[in-house]
C-alpha atoms as a PDB file:
ATOM      1  CA  MET A   1      11.832 -64.351  38.508  1.00  0.00           C
ATOM      2  CA  PRO A   2      10.304 -64.014  35.047  1.00  0.00           C
ATOM      3  CA  ILE A   3      12.122 -66.028  32.204  1.00  0.00           C
ATOM      4  CA  VAL A   4      11.176 -65.017  28.731  1.00  0.00           C
ATOM      5  CA  HIS A   5      12.084 -67.151  25.662  1.00  0.00           C
ATOM      6  CA  ILE A   6      11.911 -65.392  22.295  1.00  0.00           C
ATOM      7  CA  TYR A   7      12.330 -67.382  19.085  1.00  0.00           C
ATOM      8  CA  VAL A   8      13.217 -65.342  15.951  1.00  0.00           C
ATOM      9  CA  THR A   9      14.052 -66.186  12.286  1.00  0.00           C
ATOM     10  CA  PRO A  10      16.069 -65.224  10.696  1.00  0.00           C
ATOM     11  CA  PRO A  11      18.808 -64.303  13.215  1.00  0.00           C
ATOM     12  CA  ILE A  12      19.020 -60.587  14.286  1.00  0.00           C
ATOM     13  CA  ASP A  13      22.346 -59.217  13.060  1.00  0.00           C
ATOM     14  CA  ASP A  14      21.928 -55.735  14.332  1.00  0.00           C
ATOM     15  CA  ALA A  15      23.186 -55.549  17.950  1.00  0.00           C
ATOM     16  CA  SER A  16      21.098 -52.269  18.564  1.00  0.00           C
ATOM     17  CA  GLN A  17      17.951 -54.160  17.543  1.00  0.00           C
ATOM     18  CA  LYS A  18      18.733 -56.933  20.059  1.00  0.00           C
ATOM     19  CA  GLU A  19      19.371 -54.291  22.749  1.00  0.00           C
ATOM     20  CA  GLU A  20      16.035 -52.560  21.887  1.00  0.00           C
ATOM     21  CA  LEU A  21      14.211 -55.944  22.015  1.00  0.00           C
ATOM     22  CA  PHE A  22      15.692 -56.831  25.397  1.00  0.00           C
ATOM     23  CA  ARG A  23      14.896 -53.304  26.840  1.00  0.00           C
ATOM     24  CA  SER A  24      11.153 -53.278  25.530  1.00  0.00           C
ATOM     25  CA  VAL A  25      10.432 -56.754  26.727  1.00  0.00           C
ATOM     26  CA  THR A  26      12.066 -56.105  30.180  1.00  0.00           C
ATOM     27  CA  GLU A  27       9.953 -52.870  30.466  1.00  0.00           C
ATOM     28  CA  ALA A  28       6.709 -54.780  29.483  1.00  0.00           C
ATOM     29  CA  ILE A  29       7.409 -57.605  31.941  1.00  0.00           C
ATOM     30  CA  SER A  30       8.268 -55.076  34.605  1.00  0.00           C
ATOM     31  CA  LYS A  31       5.016 -53.125  34.118  1.00  0.00           C
ATOM     32  CA  SER A  32       2.711 -56.038  33.646  1.00  0.00           C
ATOM     33  CA  LEU A  33       4.035 -58.367  36.518  1.00  0.00           C
ATOM     34  CA  GLY A  34       5.274 -55.688  38.739  1.00  0.00           C
ATOM     35  CA  LYS A  35       8.854 -57.185  38.859  1.00  0.00           C
ATOM     36  CA  SER A  36      11.995 -55.144  38.916  1.00  0.00           C
ATOM     37  CA  PRO A  37      13.929 -55.207  35.606  1.00  0.00           C
ATOM     38  CA  GLU A  38      16.874 -56.863  37.349  1.00  0.00           C
ATOM     39  CA  GLN A  39      14.574 -59.952  37.960  1.00  0.00           C
ATOM     40  CA  THR A  40      13.840 -60.477  34.323  1.00  0.00           C
ATOM     41  CA  ARG A  41      15.833 -63.052  32.250  1.00  0.00           C
ATOM     42  CA  ILE A  42      15.484 -63.189  28.429  1.00  0.00           C
ATOM     43  CA  LEU A  43      16.816 -65.962  26.274  1.00  0.00           C
ATOM     44  CA  LEU A  44      16.947 -65.155  22.591  1.00  0.00           C
ATOM     45  CA  HIS A  45      16.919 -68.195  20.318  1.00  0.00           C
ATOM     46  CA  GLU A  46      17.856 -67.170  16.881  1.00  0.00           C
ATOM     47  CA  LEU A  47      16.870 -69.856  14.368  1.00  0.00           C
ATOM     48  CA  ALA A  48      17.910 -70.316  10.823  1.00  0.00           C
ATOM     49  CA  GLU A  49      15.148 -70.570   8.253  1.00  0.00           C
ATOM     50  CA  SER A  50      16.211 -74.067   7.581  1.00  0.00           C
ATOM     51  CA  GLY A  51      16.180 -75.139  11.238  1.00  0.00           C
ATOM     52  CA  TRP A  52      12.398 -75.241  11.718  1.00  0.00           C
ATOM     53  CA  SER A  53       9.304 -76.258   9.912  1.00  0.00           C
ATOM     54  CA  VAL A  54       5.643 -75.687   9.548  1.00  0.00           C
ATOM     55  CA  GLY A  55       3.391 -78.549   8.188  1.00  0.00           C
ATOM     56  CA  GLY A  56       6.494 -80.700   7.532  1.00  0.00           C
ATOM     57  CA  GLU A  57       8.186 -78.214   5.350  1.00  0.00           C
ATOM     58  CA  THR A  58      11.117 -76.006   6.313  1.00  0.00           C
ATOM     59  CA  VAL A  59      10.411 -72.266   6.512  1.00  0.00           C
ATOM     60  CA  GLU A  60      13.245 -71.772   4.074  1.00  0.00           C
ATOM     61  CA  ALA A  61      11.365 -73.911   1.549  1.00  0.00           C
ATOM     62  CA  ARG A  62       7.947 -72.277   2.304  1.00  0.00           C
ATOM     63  CA  LEU A  63       9.647 -68.744   1.849  1.00  0.00           C
ATOM     64  CA  ARG A  64      11.153 -69.805  -1.541  1.00  0.00           C
ATOM     65  CA  THR A  65       7.719 -70.909  -2.702  1.00  0.00           C
ATOM     66  CA  GLN A  66       6.048 -67.550  -1.540  1.00  0.00           C
ATOM     67  CA  ARG A  67       8.635 -65.595  -3.230  1.00  0.00           C
ATOM     68  CA  SER A  68       8.157 -67.450  -6.575  1.00  0.00           C
ATOM     69  CA  LYS A  69       4.474 -66.752  -6.657  1.00  0.00           C
ATOM     70  CA  PRO A  70       3.403 -63.715  -8.755  1.00  0.00           C
ATOM     71  CA  ALA A  71       2.010 -60.783  -6.649  1.00  0.00           C
ATOM     72  CA  ARG A  72      -1.712 -60.188  -6.877  1.00  0.00           C
END
């Protein structure tokens, strides 16, 4: 039984986007592993930008910094 963990930030507010994500990942697992869709389990972990970091800095802070830089 395939178990897939997907981590996204920011959280997905649109229910139809989540449904499409689940459908497309299930289809990919089914095709690539030869498993029936009913065997696939997907866990969606929706993370706030303040709830994880890269290089010791929250993603929220990194995005603020990126947004404040002038476009090239």
